[in-house]
Amino acid sequence: MKHLFFKTNETWTGTFLRWTLSIVFIPHGLQKTFGLFGGMGFSKTMDVFTHDLNLPFIAAFTVIMVEFLGSFLLLLGLGTRFWALSFIGLMTGIMLTAHVENGFFMNWFGTQKGEGCQFDILAIGIALALLFEGAGKLSMDGWIFNRRIKSEIGH
């Protein structure tokens, strides 16, 4: 199981993919946890998610943790496949419950009722690639996996 969890292709592909997804989602996570970048902070976000959007507490908490903790750990490349799968679930849920009804395109000009699913599809695609590719170079996953392999072969 650890082999599957930490193994990564030692290419730059995974590195650039996880850095991209991280850089996009770190501000979203900081909005929801600390109220930065015009966000509401943890308590208000939880209130909106559980009362206004009727999400169960655990689902609301999970959304915040994936966007906050997941994006930082992806940046480091720690648990990349787990977090990629988490982002796939998160973005699929958001797309199906909030965006698909508004069509494909993002609401660039404020003429739609809400956002379309264009961004969701991009994020899911990046996360899917990470699920198969792994964290790539400069990752904690690679360091853990390579260290484990070296200890198994006695070097």
N, C-alpha and C. Protein backbone atom coordinates (compact mmCIF):
# COMPACT_ATOMS: atom_id res chain seq x y z
N MET A 1 0.82 -1.19 0.00
CA MET A 1 0.00 0.00 0.00
C MET A 1 0.87 1.26 0.00
N LYS A 2 1.93 1.28 0.84
CA LYS A 2 2.83 2.44 0.86
C LYS A 2 3.48 2.65 -0.50
N HIS A 3 3.79 1.54 -1.16
CA HIS A 3 4.40 1.60 -2.49
C HIS A 3 3.49 2.38 -3.45
N LEU A 4 2.23 2.05 -3.46
CA LEU A 4 1.26 2.71 -4.33
C LEU A 4 1.06 4.17 -3.92
N PHE A 5 1.08 4.43 -2.63
CA PHE A 5 0.80 5.76 -2.10
C PHE A 5 1.91 6.76 -2.42
N PHE A 6 3.18 6.37 -2.24
CA PHE A 6 4.29 7.30 -2.37
C PHE A 6 5.06 7.21 -3.69
N LYS A 7 4.91 6.11 -4.42
CA LYS A 7 5.66 5.95 -5.67
C LYS A 7 5.31 7.09 -6.63
N THR A 8 6.34 7.59 -7.30
CA THR A 8 6.12 8.68 -8.25
C THR A 8 7.08 8.54 -9.41
N ASN A 9 6.66 8.99 -10.56
CA ASN A 9 7.56 9.10 -11.69
C ASN A 9 8.45 10.30 -11.42
N GLU A 10 9.73 10.15 -11.60
CA GLU A 10 10.69 11.23 -11.33
C GLU A 10 10.82 12.15 -12.54
N THR A 11 9.71 12.76 -12.91
CA THR A 11 9.70 13.70 -14.04
C THR A 11 9.25 15.07 -13.54
N TRP A 12 9.39 16.06 -14.38
CA TRP A 12 8.92 17.40 -14.04
C TRP A 12 7.41 17.54 -14.25
N THR A 13 6.81 16.59 -14.96
CA THR A 13 5.38 16.67 -15.26
C THR A 13 4.55 16.75 -13.98
N GLY A 14 4.75 15.79 -13.09
CA GLY A 14 4.01 15.79 -11.83
C GLY A 14 4.28 17.03 -11.00
N THR A 15 5.53 17.47 -11.02
CA THR A 15 5.91 18.67 -10.26
C THR A 15 5.12 19.88 -10.72
N PHE A 16 5.13 20.13 -12.03
CA PHE A 16 4.42 21.31 -12.55
C PHE A 16 2.91 21.19 -12.39
N LEU A 17 2.37 19.99 -12.53
CA LEU A 17 0.93 19.80 -12.33
C LEU A 17 0.53 20.08 -10.89
N ARG A 18 1.27 19.54 -9.93
CA ARG A 18 0.88 19.76 -8.53
C ARG A 18 1.12 21.20 -8.10
N TRP A 19 2.19 21.82 -8.61
CA TRP A 19 2.40 23.23 -8.29
C TRP A 19 1.28 24.10 -8.86
N THR A 20 0.83 23.78 -10.06
CA THR A 20 -0.26 24.54 -10.67
C THR A 20 -1.54 24.41 -9.86
N LEU A 21 -1.92 23.18 -9.54
CA LEU A 21 -3.14 22.97 -8.77
C LEU A 21 -3.02 23.63 -7.39
N SER A 22 -1.86 23.54 -6.77
CA SER A 22 -1.64 24.15 -5.46
C SER A 22 -1.76 25.67 -5.51
N ILE A 23 -1.09 26.27 -6.47
CA ILE A 23 -1.09 27.73 -6.57
C ILE A 23 -2.51 28.26 -6.80
N VAL A 24 -3.31 27.52 -7.53
CA VAL A 24 -4.69 27.94 -7.78
C VAL A 24 -5.54 27.78 -6.52
N PHE A 25 -5.33 26.69 -5.76
CA PHE A 25 -6.23 26.41 -4.64
C PHE A 25 -5.76 26.95 -3.29
N ILE A 26 -4.49 27.27 -3.13
CA ILE A 26 -4.05 27.83 -1.84
C ILE A 26 -4.84 29.08 -1.47
N PRO A 27 -5.03 30.04 -2.38
CA PRO A 27 -5.85 31.21 -2.00
C PRO A 27 -7.29 30.84 -1.62
N HIS A 28 -7.88 29.85 -2.28
CA HIS A 28 -9.23 29.42 -1.93
C HIS A 28 -9.26 28.85 -0.52
N GLY A 29 -8.26 28.03 -0.19
CA GLY A 29 -8.17 27.47 1.15
C GLY A 29 -7.95 28.54 2.20
N LEU A 30 -7.12 29.53 1.89
CA LEU A 30 -6.86 30.63 2.83
C LEU A 30 -8.10 31.51 3.02
N GLN A 31 -8.92 31.65 1.98
CA GLN A 31 -10.18 32.37 2.12
C GLN A 31 -11.08 31.68 3.14
N LYS A 32 -11.17 30.37 2.99
CA LYS A 32 -12.10 29.61 3.82
C LYS A 32 -11.61 29.40 5.25
N THR A 33 -10.30 29.34 5.45
CA THR A 33 -9.80 29.09 6.80
C THR A 33 -9.50 30.36 7.58
N PHE A 34 -8.90 31.35 6.93
CA PHE A 34 -8.44 32.54 7.65
C PHE A 34 -9.08 33.85 7.17
N GLY A 35 -9.96 33.78 6.19
CA GLY A 35 -10.61 34.98 5.70
C GLY A 35 -9.72 35.86 4.84
N LEU A 36 -8.60 35.34 4.38
CA LEU A 36 -7.71 36.11 3.52
C LEU A 36 -8.30 36.22 2.11
N PHE A 37 -7.78 37.12 1.33
CA PHE A 37 -8.21 37.32 -0.07
C PHE A 37 -9.72 37.54 -0.18
N GLY A 38 -10.29 38.23 0.78
CA GLY A 38 -11.71 38.54 0.75
C GLY A 38 -12.62 37.41 1.19
N GLY A 39 -12.05 36.37 1.78
CA GLY A 39 -12.86 35.23 2.22
C GLY A 39 -13.56 35.49 3.54
N MET A 40 -14.35 34.52 3.96
CA MET A 40 -15.17 34.65 5.17
C MET A 40 -14.52 34.07 6.41
N GLY A 41 -13.48 33.27 6.26
CA GLY A 41 -12.89 32.60 7.41
C GLY A 41 -13.63 31.32 7.74
N PHE A 42 -13.05 30.56 8.65
CA PHE A 42 -13.54 29.21 8.93
C PHE A 42 -14.97 29.18 9.46
N SER A 43 -15.25 29.92 10.52
CA SER A 43 -16.58 29.85 11.15
C SER A 43 -17.69 30.26 10.20
N LYS A 44 -17.52 31.38 9.52
CA LYS A 44 -18.56 31.86 8.60
C LYS A 44 -18.71 30.92 7.41
N THR A 45 -17.59 30.41 6.89
CA THR A 45 -17.66 29.46 5.77
C THR A 45 -18.42 28.20 6.20
N MET A 46 -18.10 27.69 7.39
CA MET A 46 -18.81 26.51 7.89
C MET A 46 -20.31 26.81 8.04
N ASP A 47 -20.62 28.00 8.51
CA ASP A 47 -22.02 28.39 8.68
C ASP A 47 -22.74 28.43 7.33
N VAL A 48 -22.11 29.04 6.34
CA VAL A 48 -22.71 29.10 5.00
C VAL A 48 -22.88 27.70 4.43
N PHE A 49 -21.84 26.88 4.53
CA PHE A 49 -21.90 25.53 3.97
C PHE A 49 -22.97 24.68 4.65
N THR A 50 -23.05 24.75 5.99
CA THR A 50 -23.98 23.86 6.70
C THR A 50 -25.41 24.39 6.75
N HIS A 51 -25.57 25.71 6.83
CA HIS A 51 -26.92 26.26 6.94
C HIS A 51 -27.50 26.70 5.60
N ASP A 52 -26.74 27.48 4.85
CA ASP A 52 -27.27 27.99 3.57
C ASP A 52 -27.25 26.94 2.47
N LEU A 53 -26.17 26.16 2.42
CA LEU A 53 -26.05 25.14 1.37
C LEU A 53 -26.48 23.75 1.83
N ASN A 54 -26.82 23.62 3.11
CA ASN A 54 -27.30 22.37 3.70
C ASN A 54 -26.34 21.19 3.55
N LEU A 55 -25.05 21.47 3.58
CA LEU A 55 -24.06 20.39 3.57
C LEU A 55 -23.96 19.81 4.97
N PRO A 56 -23.77 18.50 5.09
CA PRO A 56 -23.47 17.95 6.41
C PRO A 56 -22.15 18.54 6.93
N PHE A 57 -22.02 18.61 8.25
CA PHE A 57 -20.82 19.18 8.86
C PHE A 57 -19.55 18.56 8.30
N ILE A 58 -19.50 17.23 8.21
CA ILE A 58 -18.29 16.53 7.76
C ILE A 58 -17.97 16.88 6.31
N ALA A 59 -18.98 17.05 5.47
CA ALA A 59 -18.74 17.43 4.07
C ALA A 59 -18.19 18.85 3.99
N ALA A 60 -18.77 19.76 4.76
CA ALA A 60 -18.30 21.15 4.77
C ALA A 60 -16.85 21.22 5.27
N PHE A 61 -16.56 20.51 6.34
CA PHE A 61 -15.21 20.48 6.89
C PHE A 61 -14.23 19.87 5.89
N THR A 62 -14.65 18.83 5.20
CA THR A 62 -13.80 18.18 4.21
C THR A 62 -13.47 19.12 3.06
N VAL A 63 -14.45 19.86 2.58
CA VAL A 63 -14.21 20.83 1.50
C VAL A 63 -13.12 21.81 1.92
N ILE A 64 -13.24 22.35 3.12
CA ILE A 64 -12.27 23.33 3.60
C ILE A 64 -10.89 22.69 3.74
N MET A 65 -10.81 21.49 4.29
CA MET A 65 -9.53 20.84 4.50
C MET A 65 -8.86 20.44 3.18
N VAL A 66 -9.64 19.99 2.22
CA VAL A 66 -9.05 19.65 0.92
C VAL A 66 -8.46 20.91 0.28
N GLU A 67 -9.21 21.99 0.29
CA GLU A 67 -8.72 23.22 -0.32
C GLU A 67 -7.55 23.82 0.45
N PHE A 68 -7.58 23.74 1.77
CA PHE A 68 -6.51 24.34 2.56
C PHE A 68 -5.32 23.39 2.73
N LEU A 69 -5.53 22.33 3.48
CA LEU A 69 -4.45 21.39 3.78
C LEU A 69 -3.98 20.67 2.52
N GLY A 70 -4.93 20.24 1.71
CA GLY A 70 -4.58 19.51 0.48
C GLY A 70 -3.74 20.31 -0.48
N SER A 71 -4.06 21.58 -0.63
CA SER A 71 -3.29 22.40 -1.58
C SER A 71 -1.87 22.64 -1.08
N PHE A 72 -1.67 22.81 0.22
CA PHE A 72 -0.31 22.99 0.76
C PHE A 72 0.48 21.68 0.68
N LEU A 73 -0.16 20.56 0.97
CA LEU A 73 0.56 19.29 0.90
C LEU A 73 0.86 18.89 -0.55
N LEU A 74 -0.01 19.27 -1.47
CA LEU A 74 0.32 19.07 -2.89
C LEU A 74 1.54 19.89 -3.29
N LEU A 75 1.63 21.10 -2.81
CA LEU A 75 2.77 21.94 -3.11
C LEU A 75 4.07 21.25 -2.69
N LEU A 76 4.04 20.59 -1.54
CA LEU A 76 5.19 19.85 -1.04
C LEU A 76 5.34 18.48 -1.70
N GLY A 77 4.28 18.00 -2.31
CA GLY A 77 4.30 16.67 -2.91
C GLY A 77 4.21 15.58 -1.86
N LEU A 78 3.42 15.77 -0.84
CA LEU A 78 3.24 14.79 0.21
C LEU A 78 1.82 14.21 0.15
N GLY A 79 1.74 12.92 -0.13
CA GLY A 79 0.43 12.27 -0.28
C GLY A 79 -0.26 12.70 -1.55
N THR A 80 0.50 12.91 -2.60
CA THR A 80 -0.02 13.49 -3.84
C THR A 80 -1.19 12.71 -4.42
N ARG A 81 -1.09 11.40 -4.47
CA ARG A 81 -2.20 10.62 -5.04
C ARG A 81 -3.46 10.72 -4.19
N PHE A 82 -3.31 10.72 -2.89
CA PHE A 82 -4.46 10.89 -2.00
C PHE A 82 -5.13 12.24 -2.24
N TRP A 83 -4.31 13.31 -2.26
CA TRP A 83 -4.87 14.65 -2.44
C TRP A 83 -5.43 14.84 -3.84
N ALA A 84 -4.81 14.23 -4.83
CA ALA A 84 -5.35 14.30 -6.20
C ALA A 84 -6.74 13.67 -6.23
N LEU A 85 -6.88 12.50 -5.62
CA LEU A 85 -8.19 11.85 -5.56
C LEU A 85 -9.19 12.70 -4.78
N SER A 86 -8.73 13.35 -3.73
CA SER A 86 -9.60 14.24 -2.95
C SER A 86 -10.07 15.42 -3.78
N PHE A 87 -9.17 16.00 -4.58
CA PHE A 87 -9.56 17.12 -5.44
C PHE A 87 -10.52 16.66 -6.54
N ILE A 88 -10.32 15.46 -7.05
CA ILE A 88 -11.26 14.93 -8.05
C ILE A 88 -12.65 14.83 -7.44
N GLY A 89 -12.74 14.28 -6.25
CA GLY A 89 -14.04 14.19 -5.57
C GLY A 89 -14.64 15.55 -5.28
N LEU A 90 -13.81 16.46 -4.76
CA LEU A 90 -14.27 17.81 -4.44
C LEU A 90 -14.81 18.51 -5.68
N MET A 91 -14.03 18.54 -6.74
CA MET A 91 -14.43 19.28 -7.93
C MET A 91 -15.60 18.62 -8.66
N THR A 92 -15.66 17.30 -8.62
CA THR A 92 -16.82 16.61 -9.21
C THR A 92 -18.08 16.97 -8.45
N GLY A 93 -18.00 16.97 -7.13
CA GLY A 93 -19.15 17.34 -6.30
C GLY A 93 -19.59 18.77 -6.54
N ILE A 94 -18.64 19.70 -6.60
CA ILE A 94 -18.97 21.10 -6.85
C ILE A 94 -19.58 21.26 -8.24
N MET A 95 -18.98 20.59 -9.21
CA MET A 95 -19.48 20.71 -10.58
C MET A 95 -20.93 20.20 -10.69
N LEU A 96 -21.18 19.03 -10.11
CA LEU A 96 -22.51 18.42 -10.25
C LEU A 96 -23.58 19.13 -9.42
N THR A 97 -23.20 19.71 -8.29
CA THR A 97 -24.21 20.34 -7.44
C THR A 97 -24.39 21.83 -7.68
N ALA A 98 -23.38 22.50 -8.26
CA ALA A 98 -23.48 23.95 -8.36
C ALA A 98 -23.19 24.54 -9.73
N HIS A 99 -22.40 23.87 -10.57
CA HIS A 99 -21.95 24.53 -11.79
C HIS A 99 -22.54 23.98 -13.08
N VAL A 100 -22.79 22.70 -13.15
CA VAL A 100 -23.23 22.12 -14.43
C VAL A 100 -24.55 22.72 -14.91
N GLU A 101 -25.39 23.14 -14.00
CA GLU A 101 -26.67 23.76 -14.37
C GLU A 101 -26.49 25.10 -15.07
N ASN A 102 -25.30 25.68 -14.95
CA ASN A 102 -25.01 26.97 -15.58
C ASN A 102 -24.26 26.82 -16.90
N GLY A 103 -24.13 25.61 -17.36
CA GLY A 103 -23.47 25.37 -18.64
C GLY A 103 -21.97 25.16 -18.50
N PHE A 104 -21.29 25.32 -19.60
CA PHE A 104 -19.86 25.04 -19.68
C PHE A 104 -18.99 26.21 -19.24
N PHE A 105 -19.28 27.39 -19.72
CA PHE A 105 -18.37 28.53 -19.57
C PHE A 105 -18.42 29.16 -18.19
N MET A 106 -17.26 29.67 -17.77
CA MET A 106 -17.21 30.47 -16.55
C MET A 106 -17.97 31.76 -16.80
N ASN A 107 -18.37 32.41 -15.74
CA ASN A 107 -19.21 33.60 -15.83
C ASN A 107 -18.34 34.86 -15.92
N TRP A 108 -17.58 34.97 -17.00
CA TRP A 108 -16.61 36.06 -17.16
C TRP A 108 -17.26 37.44 -17.15
N PHE A 109 -18.43 37.57 -17.73
CA PHE A 109 -19.03 38.89 -17.90
C PHE A 109 -20.26 39.12 -17.02
N GLY A 110 -20.53 38.18 -16.11
CA GLY A 110 -21.65 38.34 -15.19
C GLY A 110 -23.01 38.22 -15.84
N THR A 111 -23.06 37.57 -17.00
CA THR A 111 -24.33 37.45 -17.72
C THR A 111 -25.04 36.13 -17.44
N GLN A 112 -24.37 35.20 -16.76
CA GLN A 112 -24.99 33.91 -16.43
C GLN A 112 -25.50 33.95 -14.99
N LYS A 113 -26.33 32.97 -14.66
CA LYS A 113 -26.85 32.84 -13.31
C LYS A 113 -25.73 32.51 -12.32
N GLY A 114 -24.71 31.80 -12.77
CA GLY A 114 -23.58 31.40 -11.94
C GLY A 114 -22.45 30.89 -12.81
N GLU A 115 -21.47 30.28 -12.19
CA GLU A 115 -20.32 29.75 -12.92
C GLU A 115 -20.66 28.44 -13.61
N GLY A 116 -20.08 28.25 -14.79
CA GLY A 116 -20.20 26.98 -15.49
C GLY A 116 -19.14 26.00 -14.99
N CYS A 117 -19.00 24.88 -15.66
CA CYS A 117 -18.13 23.82 -15.17
C CYS A 117 -16.75 23.78 -15.83
N GLN A 118 -16.40 24.79 -16.61
CA GLN A 118 -15.13 24.85 -17.31
C GLN A 118 -13.93 24.70 -16.36
N PHE A 119 -13.87 25.48 -15.31
CA PHE A 119 -12.78 25.42 -14.34
C PHE A 119 -12.73 24.06 -13.65
N ASP A 120 -13.89 23.53 -13.29
CA ASP A 120 -13.96 22.23 -12.61
C ASP A 120 -13.31 21.15 -13.46
N ILE A 121 -13.60 21.15 -14.75
CA ILE A 121 -13.06 20.15 -15.66
C ILE A 121 -11.54 20.26 -15.74
N LEU A 122 -11.02 21.48 -15.80
CA LEU A 122 -9.56 21.67 -15.81
C LEU A 122 -8.92 21.12 -14.54
N ALA A 123 -9.48 21.45 -13.39
CA ALA A 123 -8.92 20.99 -12.12
C ALA A 123 -8.99 19.46 -12.02
N ILE A 124 -10.10 18.87 -12.46
CA ILE A 124 -10.23 17.42 -12.44
C ILE A 124 -9.20 16.78 -13.36
N GLY A 125 -8.98 17.37 -14.52
CA GLY A 125 -7.99 16.84 -15.46
C GLY A 125 -6.58 16.87 -14.88
N ILE A 126 -6.21 17.96 -14.23
CA ILE A 126 -4.90 18.06 -13.59
C ILE A 126 -4.77 17.01 -12.48
N ALA A 127 -5.81 16.90 -11.66
CA ALA A 127 -5.78 15.94 -10.56
C ALA A 127 -5.73 14.50 -11.08
N LEU A 128 -6.44 14.20 -12.16
CA LEU A 128 -6.37 12.86 -12.76
C LEU A 128 -4.95 12.54 -13.23
N ALA A 129 -4.32 13.51 -13.87
CA ALA A 129 -2.94 13.31 -14.32
C ALA A 129 -2.02 13.05 -13.12
N LEU A 130 -2.21 13.76 -12.03
CA LEU A 130 -1.41 13.54 -10.82
C LEU A 130 -1.67 12.17 -10.21
N LEU A 131 -2.89 11.72 -10.30
CA LEU A 131 -3.24 10.40 -9.78
C LEU A 131 -2.43 9.32 -10.49
N PHE A 132 -2.21 9.46 -11.77
CA PHE A 132 -1.45 8.48 -12.54
C PHE A 132 0.05 8.74 -12.53
N GLU A 133 0.44 10.00 -12.58
CA GLU A 133 1.85 10.39 -12.68
C GLU A 133 2.57 10.36 -11.34
N GLY A 134 1.88 10.77 -10.30
CA GLY A 134 2.53 10.95 -9.01
C GLY A 134 3.07 12.36 -8.87
N ALA A 135 3.82 12.60 -7.83
CA ALA A 135 4.25 13.94 -7.46
C ALA A 135 5.37 14.49 -8.31
N GLY A 136 6.16 13.64 -8.93
CA GLY A 136 7.28 14.11 -9.74
C GLY A 136 8.49 14.49 -8.91
N LYS A 137 9.36 15.26 -9.52
CA LYS A 137 10.60 15.70 -8.86
C LYS A 137 10.30 16.68 -7.72
N LEU A 138 11.28 16.85 -6.86
CA LEU A 138 11.20 17.80 -5.74
C LEU A 138 9.96 17.56 -4.88
N SER A 139 9.70 16.29 -4.58
CA SER A 139 8.51 15.96 -3.81
C SER A 139 8.87 15.15 -2.57
N MET A 140 8.08 15.33 -1.54
CA MET A 140 8.23 14.51 -0.33
C MET A 140 7.91 13.05 -0.64
N ASP A 141 6.93 12.81 -1.49
CA ASP A 141 6.60 11.44 -1.88
C ASP A 141 7.82 10.73 -2.47
N GLY A 142 8.50 11.39 -3.40
CA GLY A 142 9.68 10.81 -4.03
C GLY A 142 10.78 10.55 -3.02
N TRP A 143 10.98 11.50 -2.11
CA TRP A 143 12.00 11.34 -1.07
C TRP A 143 11.67 10.15 -0.18
N ILE A 144 10.41 10.04 0.26
CA ILE A 144 9.99 8.93 1.12
C ILE A 144 10.11 7.61 0.38
N PHE A 145 9.65 7.57 -0.87
CA PHE A 145 9.68 6.33 -1.63
C PHE A 145 11.11 5.89 -1.90
N ASN A 146 11.97 6.80 -2.34
CA ASN A 146 13.35 6.45 -2.64
C ASN A 146 14.12 6.03 -1.38
N ARG A 147 13.83 6.67 -0.28
CA ARG A 147 14.47 6.31 1.00
C ARG A 147 14.03 4.91 1.42
N ARG A 148 12.76 4.60 1.23
CA ARG A 148 12.21 3.29 1.58
C ARG A 148 12.85 2.21 0.71
N ILE A 149 12.96 2.47 -0.58
CA ILE A 149 13.55 1.50 -1.51
C ILE A 149 15.02 1.25 -1.14
N LYS A 150 15.77 2.31 -0.85
CA LYS A 150 17.19 2.17 -0.48
C LYS A 150 17.34 1.35 0.79
N SER A 151 16.45 1.54 1.75
CA SER A 151 16.55 0.77 2.99
C SER A 151 16.19 -0.70 2.77
N GLU A 152 15.30 -0.97 1.81
CA GLU A 152 14.93 -2.35 1.51
C GLU A 152 16.06 -3.11 0.83
N ILE A 153 16.85 -2.40 -0.01
CA ILE A 153 17.93 -3.08 -0.71
C ILE A 153 19.26 -2.96 0.03
N GLY A 154 19.25 -2.30 1.20
CA GLY A 154 20.40 -2.25 2.06
C GLY A 154 21.45 -1.22 1.72
N HIS A 155 21.06 -0.14 1.05
CA HIS A 155 22.03 0.92 0.73
C HIS A 155 21.80 2.12 1.57
